[in-house]
Amino acid sequence: MPGIWTFVIVCPLIFLAGFVDAVAGGGGIISLPAFMLAGLSPHLTLGTNKAVVSFGMACSTWQYLKNGQSQLRIGIPAAAGAALGAFTGSQLALLASDDLLGGIMLVALPVVAVFLITRKDFGRDDAVPKPYSRPTQIALAALIGFAVGIYDGMVGPGAGTFLMLGFSIVLGLNLLQASGSARLANAASGIASAVVMISAGEVYYPIVLPAILSNVLGSYLGSRYALRGGSRKIRRMMFVVLGLLFLKIGYDFLTGL
């Protein structure tokens, strides 16, 4: 059984992960190290994290749906694509080295950050969706979900952030709509992964319930923060998430040399 200090340390971090994930994605940057602090093995960390954050994702998804900020015509095909992509990505991860994945991310993250800095109009509240036909829009959403799902299966943290970028850049959604639609796809892949991990026995149950409560509360407050602040607040949080991702991957890459 974990000691009281485990809960004192872990639960606030899991709360923060839920808040960040509901606003801009990338909560895994916080939640995965939190479970490792509890002394869990890598497999138990991954499994417990998926079992916990899937509840938070479901909570934030409901908040966005309730407020009309999830585009179902985009979120549903993206969710299907993300599930297939995550399965494919997990197979590819077995073939790719950690150094290769880290190198790809070290190149990709600064490019994304520069894009956000230079494109001041990116994802603004008055953004107009691009005039694609319905079949084209569905196909593009599914492809975005599939591509990010592959990343999610191979690397993981920040999948929700990249879904938002794809929906904004390719489909022309504002960041609030993109965040709501991304939650659908992210929740679908998270729940599917949780089922697999639970079936494999890779979940540490003594810490699950308090962690779920912490994550759901963080997700609830995070989604309300995003819904009230619109694209401006989401944009700011995306910079924080991308910065944390870059630092984490850079650290992992350098310490692995």
Protein backbone atom coordinates (compact mmCIF):
# COMPACT_ATOMS: atom_id res chain seq x y z
CA MET A 1 0.00 0.00 0.00
CA PRO A 2 1.31 3.51 -0.78
CA GLY A 3 1.97 5.77 2.20
CA ILE A 4 0.10 8.99 2.94
CA TRP A 5 2.93 11.08 1.50
CA THR A 6 2.52 9.30 -1.82
CA PHE A 7 -1.02 10.65 -2.04
CA VAL A 8 0.07 14.10 -0.83
CA ILE A 9 2.68 14.33 -3.58
CA VAL A 10 0.93 12.53 -6.43
CA CYS A 11 -2.67 13.76 -6.23
CA PRO A 12 -1.93 17.50 -6.67
CA LEU A 13 0.19 16.66 -9.72
CA ILE A 14 -2.58 14.49 -11.18
CA PHE A 15 -5.01 17.37 -10.57
CA LEU A 16 -2.69 19.74 -12.45
CA ALA A 17 -2.33 17.21 -15.28
CA GLY A 18 -6.11 17.06 -15.65
CA PHE A 19 -6.36 20.87 -15.73
CA VAL A 20 -3.65 21.26 -18.39
CA ASP A 21 -4.97 18.37 -20.49
CA ALA A 22 -8.50 19.82 -20.56
CA VAL A 23 -7.23 23.19 -21.79
CA ALA A 24 -4.47 22.36 -24.27
CA GLY A 25 -3.59 18.67 -24.06
CA GLY A 26 -0.21 17.43 -22.86
CA GLY A 27 -1.21 16.46 -19.33
CA GLY A 28 0.86 13.30 -19.65
CA ILE A 29 4.00 15.39 -19.22
CA ILE A 30 2.90 15.86 -15.62
CA SER A 31 0.94 12.69 -14.81
CA LEU A 32 3.52 10.13 -15.98
CA PRO A 33 6.36 11.52 -13.79
CA ALA A 34 3.85 11.78 -10.92
CA PHE A 35 3.15 8.05 -10.98
CA MET A 36 6.85 7.33 -11.30
CA LEU A 37 7.36 9.38 -8.12
CA ALA A 38 5.02 6.91 -6.44
CA GLY A 39 7.57 4.21 -7.25
CA LEU A 40 5.60 2.43 -9.97
CA SER A 41 7.38 0.44 -12.66
CA PRO A 42 7.24 1.79 -16.25
CA HIS A 43 4.47 -0.62 -17.27
CA LEU A 44 2.41 0.08 -14.14
CA THR A 45 2.98 3.81 -14.66
CA LEU A 46 1.62 3.66 -18.21
CA GLY A 47 -1.32 1.45 -17.27
CA THR A 48 -2.30 3.36 -14.15
CA ASN A 49 -1.98 6.67 -16.00
CA LYS A 50 -4.30 5.49 -18.82
CA ALA A 51 -6.85 4.12 -16.33
CA VAL A 52 -6.88 7.43 -14.42
CA VAL A 53 -6.75 10.07 -17.16
CA SER A 54 -9.43 8.38 -19.28
CA PHE A 55 -11.95 9.50 -16.61
CA GLY A 56 -10.64 13.06 -16.72
CA MET A 57 -10.79 13.06 -20.52
CA ALA A 58 -14.40 11.86 -20.41
CA CYS A 59 -15.26 14.67 -17.96
CA SER A 60 -13.71 17.43 -20.08
CA THR A 61 -15.24 15.94 -23.24
CA TRP A 62 -18.69 16.19 -21.66
CA GLN A 63 -18.08 19.82 -20.63
CA TYR A 64 -17.14 20.82 -24.18
CA LEU A 65 -20.08 18.87 -25.64
CA LYS A 66 -22.51 20.45 -23.20
CA ASN A 67 -21.35 23.93 -24.20
CA GLY A 68 -21.53 23.19 -27.93
CA GLN A 69 -17.78 23.45 -28.52
CA SER A 70 -17.18 19.90 -29.78
CA GLN A 71 -17.69 19.48 -33.52
CA LEU A 72 -19.09 15.95 -33.71
CA ARG A 73 -18.69 15.77 -37.49
CA ILE A 74 -14.95 16.21 -36.87
CA GLY A 75 -14.48 14.59 -33.46
CA ILE A 76 -16.15 11.27 -34.30
CA PRO A 77 -14.16 10.40 -37.45
CA ALA A 78 -11.02 11.71 -35.75
CA ALA A 79 -11.70 9.39 -32.80
CA ALA A 80 -11.99 6.40 -35.14
CA GLY A 81 -8.76 7.38 -36.90
CA ALA A 82 -6.96 7.96 -33.60
CA ALA A 83 -7.88 4.51 -32.30
CA LEU A 84 -6.54 2.85 -35.46
CA GLY A 85 -3.46 5.09 -35.46
CA ALA A 86 -2.66 4.33 -31.82
CA PHE A 87 -2.73 0.61 -32.56
CA THR A 88 -0.42 1.12 -35.55
CA GLY A 89 1.88 3.42 -33.60
CA SER A 90 2.32 0.95 -30.78
CA GLN A 91 3.50 -1.62 -33.34
CA LEU A 92 5.92 0.85 -34.94
CA ALA A 93 7.29 1.78 -31.51
CA LEU A 94 8.66 -1.72 -31.22
CA LEU A 95 10.81 -1.09 -34.31
CA ALA A 96 11.94 2.50 -33.70
CA SER A 97 14.70 3.50 -31.28
CA ASP A 98 14.18 6.01 -28.46
CA ASP A 99 16.89 8.22 -29.97
CA LEU A 100 15.08 8.36 -33.32
CA LEU A 101 11.77 9.30 -31.69
CA GLY A 102 13.46 11.89 -29.48
CA GLY A 103 15.27 13.40 -32.46
CA ILE A 104 12.02 13.71 -34.42
CA MET A 105 10.33 15.52 -31.53
CA LEU A 106 13.30 17.86 -30.93
CA VAL A 107 12.92 19.03 -34.52
CA ALA A 108 9.11 19.15 -34.58
CA LEU A 109 8.45 21.07 -31.37
CA PRO A 110 10.47 24.24 -32.18
CA VAL A 111 8.80 24.32 -35.63
CA VAL A 112 5.37 24.25 -33.99
CA ALA A 113 6.40 26.94 -31.48
CA VAL A 114 7.69 29.24 -34.25
CA PHE A 115 4.43 28.74 -36.15
CA LEU A 116 2.39 29.80 -33.10
CA ILE A 117 4.56 32.87 -32.52
CA THR A 118 4.53 34.10 -36.12
CA ARG A 119 0.88 33.35 -36.88
CA LYS A 120 -0.89 35.82 -34.61
CA ASP A 121 -4.25 35.03 -36.22
CA PHE A 122 -3.93 31.30 -35.67
CA GLY A 123 -7.00 29.74 -34.06
CA ARG A 124 -8.60 33.06 -33.15
CA ASP A 125 -12.18 33.10 -31.87
CA ASP A 126 -13.59 34.46 -35.15
CA ALA A 127 -11.83 31.87 -37.32
CA VAL A 128 -13.99 30.56 -40.17
CA PRO A 129 -13.95 26.80 -40.89
CA LYS A 130 -12.50 26.04 -44.32
CA PRO A 131 -15.15 25.37 -46.99
CA TYR A 132 -14.53 21.67 -47.53
CA SER A 133 -17.30 19.34 -48.62
CA ARG A 134 -18.69 17.11 -45.88
CA PRO A 135 -16.93 13.91 -47.15
CA THR A 136 -13.62 15.78 -47.47
CA GLN A 137 -13.94 17.22 -43.96
CA ILE A 138 -14.67 13.77 -42.51
CA ALA A 139 -11.72 12.23 -44.39
CA LEU A 140 -9.32 14.96 -43.23
CA ALA A 141 -10.49 14.65 -39.62
CA ALA A 142 -9.95 10.88 -39.74
CA LEU A 143 -6.48 11.35 -41.24
CA ILE A 144 -5.52 13.88 -38.55
CA GLY A 145 -6.75 11.47 -35.88
CA PHE A 146 -4.84 8.59 -37.47
CA ALA A 147 -1.58 10.57 -37.76
CA VAL A 148 -1.72 11.83 -34.18
CA GLY A 149 -2.85 8.38 -33.01
CA ILE A 150 0.36 6.94 -34.47
CA TYR A 151 2.34 9.49 -32.46
CA ASP A 152 0.28 8.68 -29.38
CA GLY A 153 1.08 5.00 -29.76
CA MET A 154 4.77 5.67 -30.38
CA VAL A 155 5.54 8.53 -27.98
CA GLY A 156 2.45 9.73 -26.12
CA PRO A 157 2.51 13.10 -24.30
CA GLY A 158 1.02 16.03 -26.19
CA ALA A 159 -1.30 14.04 -28.47
CA GLY A 160 -4.24 16.30 -27.58
CA THR A 161 -2.16 19.39 -28.38
CA PHE A 162 -1.26 18.06 -31.82
CA LEU A 163 -4.89 17.16 -32.53
CA MET A 164 -5.82 20.77 -31.78
CA LEU A 165 -3.10 22.06 -34.11
CA GLY A 166 -4.31 19.78 -36.89
CA PHE A 167 -7.94 20.79 -36.52
CA SER A 168 -7.02 24.50 -36.48
CA ILE A 169 -4.48 24.48 -39.31
CA VAL A 170 -6.16 22.03 -41.69
CA LEU A 171 -9.85 22.51 -40.94
CA GLY A 172 -9.86 26.15 -39.81
CA LEU A 173 -11.44 25.68 -36.37
CA ASN A 174 -10.77 28.21 -33.64
CA LEU A 175 -8.79 26.88 -30.69
CA LEU A 176 -11.84 26.48 -28.46
CA GLN A 177 -13.64 24.32 -31.05
CA ALA A 178 -10.40 22.48 -31.81
CA SER A 179 -9.87 21.75 -28.11
CA GLY A 180 -13.40 20.40 -27.72
CA SER A 181 -13.12 18.22 -30.82
CA ALA A 182 -9.67 16.96 -29.78
CA ARG A 183 -11.08 15.80 -26.44
CA LEU A 184 -13.37 13.34 -28.26
CA ALA A 185 -10.52 11.73 -30.18
CA ASN A 186 -8.20 11.76 -27.18
CA ALA A 187 -10.82 10.25 -24.89
CA ALA A 188 -11.51 7.43 -27.34
CA SER A 189 -7.84 6.45 -27.56
CA GLY A 190 -7.37 6.84 -23.81
CA ILE A 191 -10.31 4.59 -22.95
CA ALA A 192 -9.19 1.96 -25.47
CA SER A 193 -5.69 1.98 -23.99
CA ALA A 194 -7.09 1.74 -20.46
CA VAL A 195 -9.09 -1.35 -21.37
CA VAL A 196 -5.96 -3.01 -22.78
CA MET A 197 -3.88 -2.13 -19.72
CA ILE A 198 -6.54 -3.28 -17.27
CA SER A 199 -6.84 -6.58 -19.15
CA ALA A 200 -3.07 -7.01 -18.93
CA GLY A 201 -3.08 -6.35 -15.16
CA GLU A 202 -0.86 -3.28 -15.51
CA VAL A 203 -2.81 -0.99 -13.15
CA TYR A 204 -1.84 -0.18 -9.55
CA TYR A 205 -5.29 -0.05 -7.92
CA PRO A 206 -4.42 1.30 -4.42
CA ILE A 207 -3.75 4.74 -5.92
CA VAL A 208 -6.36 4.72 -8.70
CA LEU A 209 -9.44 6.10 -6.89
CA PRO A 210 -7.86 9.23 -5.31
CA ALA A 211 -5.97 9.86 -8.54
CA ILE A 212 -9.18 9.62 -10.58
CA LEU A 213 -10.94 12.09 -8.27
CA SER A 214 -7.99 14.51 -8.54
CA ASN A 215 -7.81 14.21 -12.31
CA VAL A 216 -11.56 14.61 -12.85
CA LEU A 217 -11.61 17.75 -10.67
CA GLY A 218 -8.67 19.20 -12.59
CA SER A 219 -10.31 18.33 -15.92
CA TYR A 220 -13.60 19.92 -14.85
CA LEU A 221 -11.95 23.18 -13.77
CA GLY A 222 -9.63 23.19 -16.79
CA SER A 223 -12.47 22.83 -19.27
CA ARG A 224 -14.41 25.64 -17.53
CA TYR A 225 -11.30 27.83 -17.67
CA ALA A 226 -10.94 27.20 -21.40
CA LEU A 227 -14.63 27.70 -22.15
CA ARG A 228 -14.68 31.03 -20.30
CA GLY A 229 -11.40 32.32 -21.71
CA GLY A 230 -11.79 31.24 -25.32
CA SER A 231 -8.93 30.76 -27.76
CA ARG A 232 -6.68 33.34 -26.08
CA LYS A 233 -6.22 31.33 -22.88
CA ILE A 234 -5.86 28.06 -24.78
CA ARG A 235 -3.14 29.57 -26.97
CA ARG A 236 -1.16 30.62 -23.89
CA MET A 237 -1.46 27.17 -22.34
CA MET A 238 -0.32 25.57 -25.61
CA PHE A 239 2.97 27.49 -25.36
CA VAL A 240 3.45 26.15 -21.84
CA VAL A 241 2.74 22.57 -22.95
CA LEU A 242 5.04 22.76 -25.98
CA GLY A 243 7.81 24.24 -23.83
CA LEU A 244 7.49 21.45 -21.27
CA LEU A 245 7.45 18.82 -24.01
CA PHE A 246 10.60 20.28 -25.56
CA LEU A 247 12.44 20.39 -22.23
CA LYS A 248 11.39 16.84 -21.33
CA ILE A 249 12.40 15.34 -24.65
CA GLY A 250 15.64 17.32 -24.74
CA TYR A 251 16.50 16.11 -21.23
CA ASP A 252 15.68 12.49 -22.11
CA PHE A 253 17.70 12.74 -25.32
CA LEU A 254 20.79 14.26 -23.64
CA THR A 255 20.77 11.94 -20.61
CA GLY A 256 20.48 8.97 -22.96
CA LEU A 257 23.70 9.87 -24.76
